[in-house]
Amino acid sequence: MFGLFLRYSLTLLIALLVLAAPASAALRVVATTNSLGMLAVEIGGEQVQVRVLAPADRDVHYLDARPSYMAALRRADLLLEMGAGLEEGWLPAAVQGAANPAINLGRPGRLRAADHLELRQSITTQGPHTGHVHAEGNPHFNADPARMAQLAGVVGERLAQLQPEHAERFSQAAGRLAESLLAEANRLAGEVPEGRVFVAYHEDLDYLEEWLPVRVVGYLEPLPGIPPTARHLTQLTSRLEAKQGVVLYALFQPDRGARFLQERIGWPGRAVPLEPREPTIESYLALLRDWAQALSGSV
């Protein structure tokens, strides 16, 4: 009788210990943009908690190192940043204020996405738009689903490095995400008229050339960060008046230049988001559709 009681007690004790054993803690991931946050959410699943710093409707170049950013970074296991100078005006100060060694440059907890991709040359490094802004290349690669698909594998590997017990899960999720991105990009490319040209406000939509049959033929900014001037817009319209195209600008950018081109040469202006509204695959795919529809002329 005593032996039966002892076996029952041991069985109960083991069960209680198993139930009390903590599951692997979720990785705390801080991403600077919703595009990067989408990668972490879709690949990490239940193994990550994701905080995005930059609001989707703000220019990532010009944010402030808020105390709330520092608080989030102080607890982060992984910081995902675009890199190539996009966040250089505020992220270094936020990281310094966070005082979290785990996310210092060179540590596994810091991933600069641009370091793992081949970037387009920035218009700020040569020609009429020269200015020391993006010497490492154009950092707006979130507008290219193929590069985002490539980056999915990088993020999966980094999550696996930080949480090896879930490496296979991260790898499979990254592969599925990459397939979804490429499939939708291929589908949308077939809906945009071949040879469509567009003018952008800044170089933030240049990567559309990489996966859609389109070509950027000018910019509303005379120089990076300089609002459109009457002289520049007049020169632009003179050069483009024999062509047909569309003007694209971000929701947070002024529409004066687009209205000028529409009045002078009839090019329609389309205000489009530059980031998905939420850090999810559904929101990112909706963003791809917004861009394709703006260029195809559909609404």
Protein backbone atom coordinates (compact mmCIF):
# COMPACT_ATOMS: atom_id res chain seq x y z
CA MET A 1 0.00 0.00 0.00
CA PHE A 2 2.84 2.34 0.93
CA GLY A 3 4.60 1.53 -2.36
CA LEU A 4 1.49 2.40 -4.35
CA PHE A 5 1.16 5.67 -2.46
CA LEU A 6 4.83 6.47 -3.10
CA ARG A 7 4.50 5.81 -6.82
CA TYR A 8 1.37 7.97 -6.99
CA SER A 9 3.14 10.77 -5.13
CA LEU A 10 6.15 10.64 -7.43
CA THR A 11 3.94 10.69 -10.51
CA LEU A 12 2.05 13.69 -9.16
CA LEU A 13 5.27 15.49 -8.28
CA ILE A 14 6.71 14.96 -11.76
CA ALA A 15 3.51 16.24 -13.37
CA LEU A 16 3.56 19.34 -11.20
CA LEU A 17 7.20 19.99 -12.06
CA VAL A 18 6.47 19.69 -15.79
CA LEU A 19 3.56 22.08 -15.53
CA ALA A 20 5.62 24.53 -13.48
CA ALA A 21 8.59 24.48 -15.88
CA PRO A 22 8.68 27.78 -17.74
CA ALA A 23 8.27 27.71 -21.51
CA SER A 24 11.02 29.41 -23.47
CA ALA A 25 10.46 33.12 -23.01
CA ALA A 26 9.30 35.08 -26.02
CA LEU A 27 12.00 37.17 -27.65
CA ARG A 28 11.40 40.90 -27.31
CA VAL A 29 11.94 42.34 -30.78
CA VAL A 30 11.99 46.07 -31.51
CA ALA A 31 11.73 47.05 -35.18
CA THR A 32 12.13 50.56 -36.49
CA THR A 33 9.43 50.17 -39.19
CA ASN A 34 6.28 48.16 -39.79
CA SER A 35 7.93 46.43 -42.76
CA LEU A 36 10.62 45.01 -40.51
CA GLY A 37 8.09 44.35 -37.79
CA MET A 38 6.08 42.31 -40.28
CA LEU A 39 9.05 40.01 -40.83
CA ALA A 40 9.49 39.45 -37.10
CA VAL A 41 5.77 38.87 -36.50
CA GLU A 42 5.31 36.43 -39.38
CA ILE A 43 8.52 34.48 -38.81
CA GLY A 44 8.65 34.56 -35.02
CA GLY A 45 5.01 33.83 -34.35
CA GLU A 46 4.28 33.08 -30.70
CA GLN A 47 7.99 33.09 -29.90
CA VAL A 48 8.31 36.87 -30.28
CA GLN A 49 6.83 40.04 -28.88
CA VAL A 50 7.22 42.82 -31.44
CA ARG A 51 7.26 46.58 -30.86
CA VAL A 52 7.53 48.96 -33.84
CA LEU A 53 8.97 52.42 -33.22
CA ALA A 54 8.17 54.51 -36.33
CA PRO A 55 4.48 55.27 -36.98
CA ALA A 56 3.41 54.15 -40.44
CA ASP A 57 2.36 57.67 -41.45
CA ARG A 58 5.62 59.39 -40.50
CA ASP A 59 8.86 59.98 -42.40
CA VAL A 60 11.39 57.63 -40.83
CA HIS A 61 14.20 60.08 -41.61
CA TYR A 62 12.84 62.68 -39.23
CA LEU A 63 11.79 61.16 -35.91
CA ASP A 64 12.89 62.03 -32.39
CA ALA A 65 14.64 59.74 -29.91
CA ARG A 66 11.65 59.58 -27.56
CA PRO A 67 11.89 58.26 -24.00
CA SER A 68 9.35 55.57 -24.96
CA TYR A 69 11.74 54.36 -27.67
CA MET A 70 14.56 54.12 -25.14
CA ALA A 71 12.34 52.20 -22.73
CA ALA A 72 11.43 49.67 -25.42
CA LEU A 73 15.04 49.28 -26.53
CA ARG A 74 16.21 48.83 -22.94
CA ARG A 75 14.24 45.57 -22.73
CA ALA A 76 14.89 44.37 -26.31
CA ASP A 77 16.54 41.07 -27.17
CA LEU A 78 16.74 42.05 -30.86
CA LEU A 79 16.72 45.38 -32.66
CA LEU A 80 15.81 45.33 -36.36
CA GLU A 81 16.73 48.49 -38.26
CA MET A 82 16.67 49.35 -41.95
CA GLY A 83 20.18 50.82 -41.89
CA ALA A 84 22.06 52.66 -44.68
CA GLY A 85 21.47 55.93 -42.87
CA LEU A 86 17.67 55.86 -42.83
CA GLU A 87 17.38 56.12 -39.04
CA GLU A 88 20.68 57.87 -38.35
CA GLY A 89 18.99 61.07 -37.17
CA TRP A 90 17.42 59.47 -34.09
CA LEU A 91 18.18 55.76 -33.58
CA PRO A 92 21.80 56.12 -32.31
CA ALA A 93 20.60 58.50 -29.59
CA ALA A 94 17.74 56.15 -28.66
CA VAL A 95 20.11 53.16 -28.43
CA GLN A 96 22.57 55.14 -26.35
CA GLY A 97 19.81 56.21 -23.99
CA ALA A 98 18.59 52.63 -23.67
CA ALA A 99 21.98 51.45 -22.35
CA ASN A 100 21.29 47.86 -23.46
CA PRO A 101 24.56 46.10 -24.43
CA ALA A 102 22.62 43.30 -26.16
CA ILE A 103 21.64 45.62 -29.04
CA ASN A 104 24.98 47.32 -29.61
CA LEU A 105 26.45 47.13 -33.10
CA GLY A 106 28.18 43.83 -33.71
CA ARG A 107 26.07 41.91 -31.19
CA PRO A 108 23.57 39.18 -32.16
CA GLY A 109 20.81 41.42 -30.82
CA ARG A 110 21.37 44.07 -33.52
CA LEU A 111 20.42 43.45 -37.16
CA ARG A 112 20.97 46.18 -39.75
CA ALA A 113 18.95 44.90 -42.69
CA ALA A 114 20.81 46.94 -45.31
CA ASP A 115 24.05 45.14 -44.43
CA HIS A 116 22.58 41.89 -45.79
CA LEU A 117 21.22 43.20 -49.10
CA GLU A 118 22.54 44.63 -52.33
CA LEU A 119 21.11 48.14 -52.44
CA ARG A 120 20.34 50.40 -55.35
CA GLN A 121 22.72 53.31 -55.68
CA SER A 122 21.21 56.36 -54.05
CA ILE A 123 20.47 59.44 -56.16
CA THR A 124 22.16 61.42 -53.37
CA THR A 125 25.64 60.21 -54.30
CA GLN A 126 25.95 61.53 -57.84
CA GLY A 127 24.24 63.73 -60.44
CA PRO A 128 21.94 66.70 -59.84
CA HIS A 129 20.61 65.33 -56.54
CA THR A 130 24.04 64.85 -54.94
CA GLY A 131 24.18 65.26 -51.19
CA HIS A 132 25.70 63.19 -48.38
CA VAL A 133 22.49 61.50 -47.35
CA HIS A 134 22.58 57.80 -48.28
CA ALA A 135 26.19 57.02 -49.17
CA GLU A 136 25.68 53.29 -48.48
CA GLY A 137 22.84 53.04 -50.99
CA ASN A 138 19.10 53.63 -51.18
CA PRO A 139 17.65 52.41 -47.85
CA HIS A 140 14.01 52.30 -49.00
CA PHE A 141 14.21 48.62 -50.01
CA ASN A 142 10.94 47.82 -48.25
CA ALA A 143 9.34 48.85 -51.57
CA ASP A 144 10.85 45.73 -53.16
CA PRO A 145 9.15 42.47 -52.12
CA ALA A 146 12.02 40.44 -53.57
CA ARG A 147 14.50 42.04 -51.19
CA MET A 148 12.03 41.64 -48.35
CA ALA A 149 11.78 37.94 -49.24
CA GLN A 150 15.56 37.69 -49.10
CA LEU A 151 15.57 39.50 -45.78
CA ALA A 152 13.03 37.02 -44.40
CA GLY A 153 15.72 34.35 -44.49
CA VAL A 154 18.17 36.65 -42.68
CA VAL A 155 15.68 37.42 -39.93
CA GLY A 156 14.83 33.74 -39.56
CA GLU A 157 18.50 32.88 -39.11
CA ARG A 158 18.99 35.62 -36.52
CA LEU A 159 15.96 34.51 -34.52
CA ALA A 160 17.31 30.96 -34.63
CA GLN A 161 20.65 32.20 -33.33
CA LEU A 162 18.90 33.78 -30.36
CA GLN A 163 16.50 30.87 -29.78
CA PRO A 164 18.06 27.70 -31.28
CA GLU A 165 15.34 25.38 -30.01
CA HIS A 166 12.93 26.95 -32.52
CA ALA A 167 15.36 27.16 -35.45
CA GLU A 168 13.41 24.78 -37.69
CA ARG A 169 10.15 26.61 -37.08
CA PHE A 170 11.72 29.98 -37.91
CA SER A 171 13.27 28.59 -41.08
CA GLN A 172 10.00 27.14 -42.33
CA ALA A 173 8.07 30.33 -41.54
CA ALA A 174 10.66 32.45 -43.35
CA GLY A 175 10.39 30.23 -46.41
CA ARG A 176 6.60 30.45 -46.50
CA LEU A 177 6.72 34.22 -46.09
CA ALA A 178 9.23 34.60 -48.92
CA GLU A 179 7.04 32.50 -51.23
CA SER A 180 3.98 34.62 -50.44
CA LEU A 181 5.83 37.87 -51.13
CA LEU A 182 7.25 36.72 -54.45
CA ALA A 183 3.97 35.22 -55.63
CA GLU A 184 2.01 38.42 -55.01
CA ALA A 185 4.74 40.55 -56.59
CA ASN A 186 4.65 38.44 -59.75
CA ARG A 187 0.88 38.64 -59.91
CA LEU A 188 0.79 42.41 -59.51
CA ALA A 189 3.55 42.95 -62.07
CA GLY A 190 1.22 41.51 -64.68
CA GLU A 191 -1.47 44.09 -63.88
CA VAL A 192 0.64 47.20 -64.48
CA PRO A 193 0.94 48.49 -68.08
CA GLU A 194 4.36 47.88 -69.58
CA GLY A 195 6.55 50.96 -69.75
CA ARG A 196 4.60 53.14 -67.30
CA VAL A 197 6.73 56.06 -66.07
CA PHE A 198 6.38 58.03 -62.88
CA VAL A 199 7.79 60.96 -60.96
CA ALA A 200 8.41 60.47 -57.25
CA TYR A 201 8.75 63.02 -54.51
CA HIS A 202 11.96 61.47 -53.14
CA GLU A 203 13.87 58.25 -53.91
CA ASP A 204 11.67 56.32 -51.50
CA LEU A 205 9.79 54.54 -54.33
CA ASP A 206 12.69 53.83 -56.70
CA TYR A 207 12.63 50.13 -55.82
CA LEU A 208 9.30 49.81 -57.63
CA GLU A 209 11.44 49.61 -60.78
CA GLU A 210 12.86 46.33 -59.47
CA TRP A 211 9.63 44.32 -59.68
CA LEU A 212 7.12 46.31 -61.72
CA PRO A 213 7.42 47.21 -65.45
CA VAL A 214 7.82 50.92 -64.59
CA ARG A 215 10.52 53.59 -64.67
CA VAL A 216 11.10 56.63 -62.48
CA VAL A 217 11.88 59.68 -64.63
CA GLY A 218 12.21 62.47 -62.09
CA TYR A 219 11.77 63.76 -58.57
CA LEU A 220 9.77 66.63 -57.14
CA GLU A 221 12.59 67.49 -54.75
CA PRO A 222 15.32 69.57 -56.42
CA LEU A 223 17.73 68.24 -53.76
CA PRO A 224 17.16 65.66 -51.00
CA GLY A 225 15.19 67.26 -48.21
CA ILE A 226 14.50 70.45 -50.18
CA PRO A 227 10.81 71.13 -51.01
CA PRO A 228 9.91 71.55 -54.70
CA THR A 229 10.71 74.98 -56.11
CA ALA A 230 8.91 76.73 -58.96
CA ARG A 231 12.08 76.71 -61.06
CA HIS A 232 12.66 73.00 -60.59
CA LEU A 233 9.03 72.11 -61.30
CA THR A 234 9.04 74.22 -64.46
CA GLN A 235 12.17 72.44 -65.70
CA LEU A 236 10.61 69.11 -64.84
CA THR A 237 7.41 69.81 -66.76
CA SER A 238 9.37 71.01 -69.80
CA ARG A 239 11.27 67.74 -69.86
CA LEU A 240 8.19 65.55 -69.38
CA GLU A 241 5.44 67.33 -71.31
CA ALA A 242 5.65 64.93 -74.25
CA LYS A 243 5.26 61.88 -71.99
CA GLN A 244 2.37 60.35 -70.09
CA GLY A 245 2.81 59.15 -66.55
CA VAL A 246 1.83 59.56 -62.92
CA VAL A 247 3.23 61.44 -59.92
CA LEU A 248 3.61 59.42 -56.71
CA TYR A 249 4.16 60.98 -53.32
CA ALA A 250 3.81 59.79 -49.74
CA LEU A 251 0.79 60.58 -47.63
CA PHE A 252 2.95 62.76 -45.37
CA GLN A 253 4.57 64.68 -48.25
CA PRO A 254 3.04 67.92 -49.61
CA ASP A 255 1.03 67.65 -52.83
CA ARG A 256 2.02 71.03 -54.29
CA GLY A 257 4.47 69.57 -56.79
CA ALA A 258 2.02 66.89 -57.92
CA ARG A 259 -0.70 69.48 -58.45
CA PHE A 260 1.72 71.61 -60.48
CA LEU A 261 2.45 68.75 -62.87
CA GLN A 262 -1.21 67.86 -63.14
CA GLU A 263 -2.13 71.43 -64.07
CA ARG A 264 0.72 71.86 -66.56
CA ILE A 265 0.94 68.49 -68.31
CA GLY A 266 -2.03 66.51 -67.01
CA TRP A 267 -0.15 63.90 -64.99
CA PRO A 268 -2.38 62.60 -62.18
CA GLY A 269 -0.98 62.66 -58.66
CA ARG A 270 -1.38 59.68 -56.34
CA ALA A 271 -0.75 59.85 -52.60
CA VAL A 272 0.41 56.44 -51.39
CA PRO A 273 1.64 55.00 -48.09
CA LEU A 274 5.29 54.04 -47.79
CA GLU A 275 4.81 51.53 -44.98
CA PRO A 276 2.12 48.96 -44.19
CA ARG A 277 -0.44 50.16 -41.68
CA GLU A 278 0.26 47.20 -39.40
CA PRO A 279 3.26 44.85 -39.03
CA THR A 280 1.47 41.93 -40.70
CA ILE A 281 1.75 40.12 -44.02
CA GLU A 282 -1.82 41.08 -44.90
CA SER A 283 -1.03 44.76 -44.45
CA TYR A 284 2.22 44.52 -46.41
CA LEU A 285 0.53 42.76 -49.34
CA ALA A 286 -2.16 45.45 -49.29
CA LEU A 287 0.64 48.03 -49.57
CA LEU A 288 2.00 46.26 -52.66
CA ARG A 289 -1.47 46.42 -54.19
CA ASP A 290 -1.75 50.14 -53.39
CA TRP A 291 1.46 50.85 -55.29
CA ALA A 292 0.50 48.70 -58.27
CA GLN A 293 -2.96 50.25 -58.49
CA ALA A 294 -1.54 53.77 -58.33
CA LEU A 295 0.69 53.00 -61.30
CA SER A 296 -1.89 51.09 -63.30
CA GLY A 297 -4.36 53.94 -63.04
CA SER A 298 -6.98 51.88 -61.19
CA VAL A 299 -8.51 53.04 -57.93
